[in-house]
Amino acid sequence: MPFAPRWTRLLMVVSAAGFAAAAYAIRAVTDGPIGQYSGAALSGAIVYTIVLFIRPTISAPVAGFAAIAYCWFIEFAQLTPVPAAISERSWFARQLLGAQFDLVDVLWYPVGVLPLVAVHWFLRARTRPVADPQ
């Protein structure tokens, strides 16, 4: 039996909080590329949980595509001065929008999303009711 949407939403809130905590913990204890790349991957994972929070019944591939597309949109928006200007005014906006474009981040977002797509797909397949052969 599949999870009810409210349980899926609760699980997504807990998951997003866990991913955010992991990202900040990694940043606190490491410097350099590990902190940056894990942050991008975990940001992609957080966006995936937000997609599932908004639409709990969405399929795994569609949710993955939406999460990666959103992450890429935000990253490429950083080629304009708008996110940097907004980020200067607010710590929270800086966390959401970033401040400068990094092509390597574009490659790391799918690293955070695709494992979740696989888990989502697997769990959905296991909880889908089996047709009764007659």
N, C-alpha and C. Protein backbone atom coordinates (compact mmCIF):
# COMPACT_ATOMS: atom_id res chain seq x y z
N MET A 1 0.84 -1.17 0.00
CA MET A 1 0.00 0.00 0.00
C MET A 1 0.90 1.24 0.00
N PRO A 2 0.66 2.21 -0.90
CA PRO A 2 1.49 3.40 -0.95
C PRO A 2 1.26 4.30 0.25
N PHE A 3 2.26 5.13 0.55
CA PHE A 3 2.12 6.10 1.64
C PHE A 3 1.03 7.09 1.27
N ALA A 4 0.28 7.51 2.26
CA ALA A 4 -0.69 8.58 2.06
C ALA A 4 0.08 9.87 1.82
N PRO A 5 -0.49 10.80 1.05
CA PRO A 5 0.22 12.05 0.78
C PRO A 5 0.69 12.79 2.03
N ARG A 6 -0.09 12.74 3.12
CA ARG A 6 0.35 13.47 4.32
C ARG A 6 1.60 12.85 4.93
N TRP A 7 1.72 11.51 4.87
CA TRP A 7 2.93 10.86 5.39
C TRP A 7 4.11 11.12 4.48
N THR A 8 3.86 11.17 3.19
CA THR A 8 4.93 11.51 2.25
C THR A 8 5.42 12.92 2.53
N ARG A 9 4.49 13.84 2.74
CA ARG A 9 4.88 15.23 3.02
C ARG A 9 5.69 15.32 4.32
N LEU A 10 5.26 14.62 5.34
CA LEU A 10 6.00 14.64 6.60
C LEU A 10 7.40 14.07 6.41
N LEU A 11 7.50 12.96 5.68
CA LEU A 11 8.81 12.36 5.40
C LEU A 11 9.69 13.32 4.61
N MET A 12 9.11 14.08 3.70
CA MET A 12 9.90 15.02 2.90
C MET A 12 10.41 16.19 3.75
N VAL A 13 9.61 16.64 4.70
CA VAL A 13 10.08 17.70 5.60
C VAL A 13 11.26 17.21 6.43
N VAL A 14 11.13 16.01 6.97
CA VAL A 14 12.21 15.43 7.77
C VAL A 14 13.45 15.20 6.90
N SER A 15 13.25 14.70 5.69
CA SER A 15 14.38 14.45 4.78
C SER A 15 15.09 15.75 4.41
N ALA A 16 14.32 16.78 4.08
CA ALA A 16 14.92 18.07 3.72
C ALA A 16 15.73 18.63 4.88
N ALA A 17 15.18 18.53 6.08
CA ALA A 17 15.91 19.00 7.27
C ALA A 17 17.20 18.19 7.46
N GLY A 18 17.12 16.90 7.24
CA GLY A 18 18.32 16.06 7.35
C GLY A 18 19.37 16.40 6.31
N PHE A 19 18.95 16.62 5.08
CA PHE A 19 19.89 17.00 4.02
C PHE A 19 20.52 18.36 4.32
N ALA A 20 19.72 19.31 4.80
CA ALA A 20 20.25 20.63 5.13
C ALA A 20 21.25 20.53 6.28
N ALA A 21 20.90 19.74 7.30
CA ALA A 21 21.81 19.56 8.43
C ALA A 21 23.12 18.92 7.98
N ALA A 22 23.02 17.94 7.10
CA ALA A 22 24.23 17.30 6.58
C ALA A 22 25.09 18.29 5.80
N ALA A 23 24.45 19.12 4.98
CA ALA A 23 25.20 20.11 4.19
C ALA A 23 25.93 21.09 5.10
N TYR A 24 25.23 21.60 6.13
CA TYR A 24 25.87 22.55 7.03
C TYR A 24 26.94 21.89 7.89
N ALA A 25 26.72 20.64 8.28
CA ALA A 25 27.74 19.92 9.06
C ALA A 25 28.99 19.70 8.24
N ILE A 26 28.83 19.31 6.99
CA ILE A 26 30.00 19.10 6.11
C ILE A 26 30.74 20.42 5.93
N ARG A 27 30.00 21.51 5.71
CA ARG A 27 30.62 22.82 5.54
C ARG A 27 31.37 23.24 6.81
N ALA A 28 30.85 22.86 7.97
CA ALA A 28 31.46 23.26 9.24
C ALA A 28 32.79 22.56 9.48
N VAL A 29 32.94 21.34 8.97
CA VAL A 29 34.16 20.57 9.27
C VAL A 29 35.13 20.47 8.10
N THR A 30 34.71 20.88 6.91
CA THR A 30 35.61 20.82 5.77
C THR A 30 35.63 22.15 5.04
N ASP A 31 36.67 22.33 4.30
CA ASP A 31 36.79 23.51 3.45
C ASP A 31 37.12 23.04 2.05
N GLY A 32 36.86 23.86 1.10
CA GLY A 32 37.26 23.54 -0.26
C GLY A 32 36.22 22.77 -1.04
N PRO A 33 36.70 21.96 -1.97
CA PRO A 33 35.78 21.31 -2.92
C PRO A 33 34.79 20.35 -2.29
N ILE A 34 35.18 19.64 -1.25
CA ILE A 34 34.25 18.67 -0.65
C ILE A 34 33.02 19.40 -0.11
N GLY A 35 33.22 20.47 0.60
CA GLY A 35 32.11 21.24 1.13
C GLY A 35 31.26 21.83 0.02
N GLN A 36 31.90 22.34 -1.00
CA GLN A 36 31.16 22.96 -2.11
C GLN A 36 30.37 21.93 -2.89
N TYR A 37 31.00 20.84 -3.29
CA TYR A 37 30.33 19.87 -4.14
C TYR A 37 29.25 19.09 -3.39
N SER A 38 29.54 18.76 -2.14
CA SER A 38 28.49 18.08 -1.36
C SER A 38 27.33 19.03 -1.13
N GLY A 39 27.61 20.30 -0.98
CA GLY A 39 26.54 21.29 -0.82
C GLY A 39 25.65 21.35 -2.04
N ALA A 40 26.24 21.31 -3.23
CA ALA A 40 25.44 21.32 -4.46
C ALA A 40 24.61 20.05 -4.56
N ALA A 41 25.21 18.90 -4.29
CA ALA A 41 24.48 17.64 -4.37
C ALA A 41 23.34 17.61 -3.35
N LEU A 42 23.61 18.05 -2.13
CA LEU A 42 22.57 18.04 -1.11
C LEU A 42 21.50 19.09 -1.39
N SER A 43 21.87 20.18 -2.05
CA SER A 43 20.86 21.17 -2.47
C SER A 43 19.91 20.54 -3.48
N GLY A 44 20.46 19.77 -4.40
CA GLY A 44 19.61 19.06 -5.36
C GLY A 44 18.68 18.10 -4.66
N ALA A 45 19.19 17.41 -3.64
CA ALA A 45 18.36 16.48 -2.87
C ALA A 45 17.24 17.22 -2.14
N ILE A 46 17.55 18.39 -1.60
CA ILE A 46 16.53 19.18 -0.91
C ILE A 46 15.44 19.61 -1.89
N VAL A 47 15.84 20.04 -3.08
CA VAL A 47 14.85 20.44 -4.08
C VAL A 47 13.97 19.25 -4.45
N TYR A 48 14.56 18.06 -4.56
CA TYR A 48 13.77 16.87 -4.85
C TYR A 48 12.71 16.63 -3.77
N THR A 49 13.10 16.80 -2.50
CA THR A 49 12.12 16.61 -1.42
C THR A 49 11.03 17.68 -1.48
N ILE A 50 11.38 18.88 -1.91
CA ILE A 50 10.37 19.94 -2.04
C ILE A 50 9.38 19.59 -3.15
N VAL A 51 9.89 19.05 -4.25
CA VAL A 51 9.00 18.63 -5.34
C VAL A 51 8.02 17.58 -4.83
N LEU A 52 8.51 16.59 -4.08
CA LEU A 52 7.62 15.55 -3.55
C LEU A 52 6.69 16.09 -2.47
N PHE A 53 7.12 17.11 -1.74
CA PHE A 53 6.24 17.73 -0.76
C PHE A 53 5.07 18.40 -1.47
N ILE A 54 5.37 19.10 -2.54
CA ILE A 54 4.33 19.81 -3.28
C ILE A 54 3.40 18.83 -3.99
N ARG A 55 3.97 17.78 -4.55
CA ARG A 55 3.18 16.82 -5.33
C ARG A 55 3.57 15.39 -4.94
N PRO A 56 3.02 14.87 -3.85
CA PRO A 56 3.44 13.56 -3.33
C PRO A 56 3.21 12.38 -4.28
N THR A 57 2.30 12.50 -5.21
CA THR A 57 2.00 11.37 -6.09
C THR A 57 2.76 11.42 -7.42
N ILE A 58 3.65 12.37 -7.58
CA ILE A 58 4.40 12.51 -8.82
C ILE A 58 5.32 11.30 -9.04
N SER A 59 5.57 10.97 -10.29
CA SER A 59 6.45 9.84 -10.57
C SER A 59 7.91 10.25 -10.32
N ALA A 60 8.73 9.27 -10.05
CA ALA A 60 10.14 9.52 -9.74
C ALA A 60 10.87 10.22 -10.88
N PRO A 61 10.75 9.76 -12.14
CA PRO A 61 11.47 10.46 -13.22
C PRO A 61 11.03 11.91 -13.41
N VAL A 62 9.74 12.16 -13.29
CA VAL A 62 9.24 13.53 -13.45
C VAL A 62 9.73 14.41 -12.29
N ALA A 63 9.70 13.88 -11.09
CA ALA A 63 10.19 14.63 -9.93
C ALA A 63 11.68 14.92 -10.08
N GLY A 64 12.43 13.94 -10.54
CA GLY A 64 13.87 14.14 -10.75
C GLY A 64 14.14 15.19 -11.81
N PHE A 65 13.41 15.13 -12.91
CA PHE A 65 13.57 16.12 -13.97
C PHE A 65 13.24 17.51 -13.44
N ALA A 66 12.15 17.64 -12.70
CA ALA A 66 11.75 18.94 -12.16
C ALA A 66 12.80 19.49 -11.20
N ALA A 67 13.33 18.65 -10.34
CA ALA A 67 14.33 19.09 -9.37
C ALA A 67 15.61 19.54 -10.06
N ILE A 68 16.09 18.74 -11.00
CA ILE A 68 17.33 19.11 -11.70
C ILE A 68 17.11 20.36 -12.54
N ALA A 69 15.99 20.45 -13.23
CA ALA A 69 15.70 21.63 -14.05
C ALA A 69 15.66 22.89 -13.19
N TYR A 70 15.04 22.80 -12.02
CA TYR A 70 14.97 23.96 -11.13
C TYR A 70 16.37 24.36 -10.66
N CYS A 71 17.15 23.38 -10.24
CA CYS A 71 18.52 23.67 -9.79
C CYS A 71 19.33 24.33 -10.90
N TRP A 72 19.22 23.80 -12.10
CA TRP A 72 19.94 24.39 -13.22
C TRP A 72 19.44 25.80 -13.54
N PHE A 73 18.13 26.00 -13.44
CA PHE A 73 17.58 27.34 -13.68
C PHE A 73 18.18 28.34 -12.70
N ILE A 74 18.20 27.98 -11.42
CA ILE A 74 18.76 28.88 -10.41
C ILE A 74 20.25 29.11 -10.67
N GLU A 75 20.97 28.05 -11.01
CA GLU A 75 22.42 28.19 -11.25
C GLU A 75 22.69 29.09 -12.45
N PHE A 76 21.96 28.88 -13.54
CA PHE A 76 22.19 29.71 -14.72
C PHE A 76 21.68 31.13 -14.53
N ALA A 77 20.71 31.32 -13.65
CA ALA A 77 20.26 32.68 -13.32
C ALA A 77 21.38 33.48 -12.67
N GLN A 78 22.32 32.76 -12.05
CA GLN A 78 23.45 33.43 -11.41
C GLN A 78 24.40 34.07 -12.42
N LEU A 79 24.20 33.81 -13.69
CA LEU A 79 24.98 34.50 -14.73
C LEU A 79 24.50 35.95 -14.89
N THR A 80 23.34 36.26 -14.31
CA THR A 80 22.83 37.62 -14.30
C THR A 80 23.17 38.24 -12.94
N PRO A 81 23.07 39.56 -12.81
CA PRO A 81 23.37 40.17 -11.51
C PRO A 81 22.24 40.08 -10.49
N VAL A 82 21.09 39.56 -10.88
CA VAL A 82 19.92 39.58 -10.00
C VAL A 82 20.12 38.73 -8.73
N PRO A 83 20.48 37.45 -8.82
CA PRO A 83 20.64 36.68 -7.56
C PRO A 83 21.69 37.27 -6.63
N ALA A 84 22.79 37.75 -7.16
CA ALA A 84 23.83 38.34 -6.30
C ALA A 84 23.30 39.57 -5.59
N ALA A 85 22.54 40.40 -6.29
CA ALA A 85 21.99 41.60 -5.66
C ALA A 85 21.00 41.24 -4.56
N ILE A 86 20.16 40.26 -4.81
CA ILE A 86 19.20 39.82 -3.78
C ILE A 86 19.94 39.18 -2.62
N SER A 87 20.96 38.38 -2.91
CA SER A 87 21.70 37.66 -1.87
C SER A 87 22.49 38.60 -0.96
N GLU A 88 22.87 39.77 -1.46
CA GLU A 88 23.59 40.74 -0.62
C GLU A 88 22.72 41.22 0.54
N ARG A 89 21.42 41.22 0.35
CA ARG A 89 20.50 41.77 1.35
C ARG A 89 20.02 40.75 2.37
N SER A 90 20.18 39.46 2.07
CA SER A 90 19.57 38.47 2.95
C SER A 90 20.38 37.17 2.97
N TRP A 91 20.69 36.70 4.18
CA TRP A 91 21.38 35.42 4.31
C TRP A 91 20.51 34.30 3.75
N PHE A 92 19.21 34.37 4.03
CA PHE A 92 18.28 33.34 3.58
C PHE A 92 18.23 33.29 2.05
N ALA A 93 18.17 34.46 1.42
CA ALA A 93 18.16 34.51 -0.04
C ALA A 93 19.46 33.95 -0.61
N ARG A 94 20.57 34.21 0.07
CA ARG A 94 21.86 33.67 -0.40
C ARG A 94 21.84 32.14 -0.35
N GLN A 95 21.20 31.58 0.67
CA GLN A 95 21.12 30.12 0.76
C GLN A 95 20.27 29.55 -0.37
N LEU A 96 19.23 30.27 -0.75
CA LEU A 96 18.32 29.79 -1.80
C LEU A 96 18.83 30.05 -3.21
N LEU A 97 19.45 31.20 -3.41
CA LEU A 97 19.80 31.62 -4.77
C LEU A 97 21.28 31.55 -5.09
N GLY A 98 22.11 31.52 -4.07
CA GLY A 98 23.54 31.59 -4.32
C GLY A 98 23.91 32.99 -4.79
N ALA A 99 25.16 33.14 -5.21
CA ALA A 99 25.60 34.47 -5.61
C ALA A 99 26.36 34.46 -6.92
N GLN A 100 27.01 33.34 -7.23
CA GLN A 100 27.78 33.32 -8.47
C GLN A 100 27.69 31.95 -9.13
N PHE A 101 27.75 31.97 -10.45
CA PHE A 101 27.64 30.76 -11.26
C PHE A 101 28.88 29.89 -11.09
N ASP A 102 28.65 28.58 -11.02
CA ASP A 102 29.74 27.61 -10.99
C ASP A 102 29.31 26.41 -11.83
N LEU A 103 29.98 26.21 -12.94
CA LEU A 103 29.63 25.12 -13.85
C LEU A 103 29.73 23.75 -13.17
N VAL A 104 30.64 23.60 -12.24
CA VAL A 104 30.79 22.32 -11.54
C VAL A 104 29.52 21.99 -10.74
N ASP A 105 28.87 23.01 -10.18
CA ASP A 105 27.62 22.77 -9.45
C ASP A 105 26.56 22.17 -10.36
N VAL A 106 26.55 22.60 -11.62
CA VAL A 106 25.59 22.07 -12.59
C VAL A 106 25.73 20.56 -12.70
N LEU A 107 26.95 20.06 -12.60
CA LEU A 107 27.20 18.63 -12.68
C LEU A 107 26.86 17.89 -11.38
N TRP A 108 26.94 18.59 -10.26
CA TRP A 108 26.71 17.94 -8.96
C TRP A 108 25.25 17.87 -8.55
N TYR A 109 24.40 18.72 -9.09
CA TYR A 109 22.98 18.62 -8.73
C TYR A 109 22.40 17.24 -9.04
N PRO A 110 22.63 16.70 -10.23
CA PRO A 110 22.10 15.35 -10.50
C PRO A 110 22.67 14.28 -9.56
N VAL A 111 23.89 14.48 -9.07
CA VAL A 111 24.47 13.52 -8.13
C VAL A 111 23.64 13.43 -6.86
N GLY A 112 23.04 14.53 -6.46
CA GLY A 112 22.17 14.52 -5.28
C GLY A 112 20.76 14.06 -5.58
N VAL A 113 20.32 14.24 -6.82
CA VAL A 113 18.94 13.92 -7.17
C VAL A 113 18.77 12.47 -7.63
N LEU A 114 19.64 11.98 -8.48
CA LEU A 114 19.44 10.67 -9.11
C LEU A 114 19.36 9.51 -8.11
N PRO A 115 20.15 9.48 -7.04
CA PRO A 115 19.94 8.39 -6.06
C PRO A 115 18.55 8.42 -5.43
N LEU A 116 18.02 9.61 -5.22
CA LEU A 116 16.67 9.71 -4.66
C LEU A 116 15.62 9.27 -5.66
N VAL A 117 15.86 9.55 -6.93
CA VAL A 117 14.95 9.06 -7.98
C VAL A 117 14.93 7.53 -7.94
N ALA A 118 16.11 6.92 -7.83
CA ALA A 118 16.19 5.46 -7.80
C ALA A 118 15.45 4.88 -6.59
N VAL A 119 15.66 5.48 -5.42
CA VAL A 119 14.99 5.01 -4.21
C VAL A 119 13.48 5.20 -4.33
N HIS A 120 13.07 6.36 -4.81
CA HIS A 120 11.65 6.65 -4.99
C HIS A 120 11.01 5.64 -5.95
N TRP A 121 11.67 5.39 -7.05
CA TRP A 121 11.17 4.45 -8.06
C TRP A 121 11.05 3.05 -7.45
N PHE A 122 12.08 2.63 -6.72
CA PHE A 122 12.08 1.31 -6.08
C PHE A 122 10.94 1.19 -5.07
N LEU A 123 10.80 2.20 -4.21
CA LEU A 123 9.74 2.16 -3.20
C LEU A 123 8.35 2.19 -3.84
N ARG A 124 8.20 2.98 -4.87
CA ARG A 124 6.91 3.06 -5.55
C ARG A 124 6.57 1.71 -6.19
N ALA A 125 7.57 1.04 -6.77
CA ALA A 125 7.33 -0.27 -7.39
C ALA A 125 6.97 -1.31 -6.34
N ARG A 126 7.59 -1.23 -5.16
CA ARG A 126 7.29 -2.20 -4.11
C ARG A 126 5.95 -1.99 -3.46
N THR A 127 5.45 -0.76 -3.46
CA THR A 127 4.19 -0.49 -2.78
C THR A 127 3.01 -0.45 -3.72
N ARG A 128 3.27 -0.57 -5.02
CA ARG A 128 2.18 -0.57 -6.01
C ARG A 128 1.41 -1.86 -5.89
N PRO A 129 0.09 -1.80 -5.88
CA PRO A 129 -0.70 -3.03 -5.79
C PRO A 129 -0.49 -3.91 -7.02
N VAL A 130 -0.40 -5.19 -6.78
CA VAL A 130 -0.21 -6.15 -7.88
C VAL A 130 -1.58 -6.56 -8.39
N ALA A 131 -1.71 -6.56 -9.72
CA ALA A 131 -2.99 -6.97 -10.33
C ALA A 131 -3.25 -8.44 -10.06
N ASP A 132 -4.47 -8.78 -9.78
CA ASP A 132 -4.85 -10.16 -9.49
C ASP A 132 -5.05 -10.90 -10.80
N PRO A 133 -4.14 -11.85 -11.14
CA PRO A 133 -4.31 -12.60 -12.40
C PRO A 133 -5.49 -13.56 -12.26
N GLN A 134 -6.28 -13.63 -13.33
CA GLN A 134 -7.44 -14.51 -13.29
C GLN A 134 -7.43 -15.44 -14.46
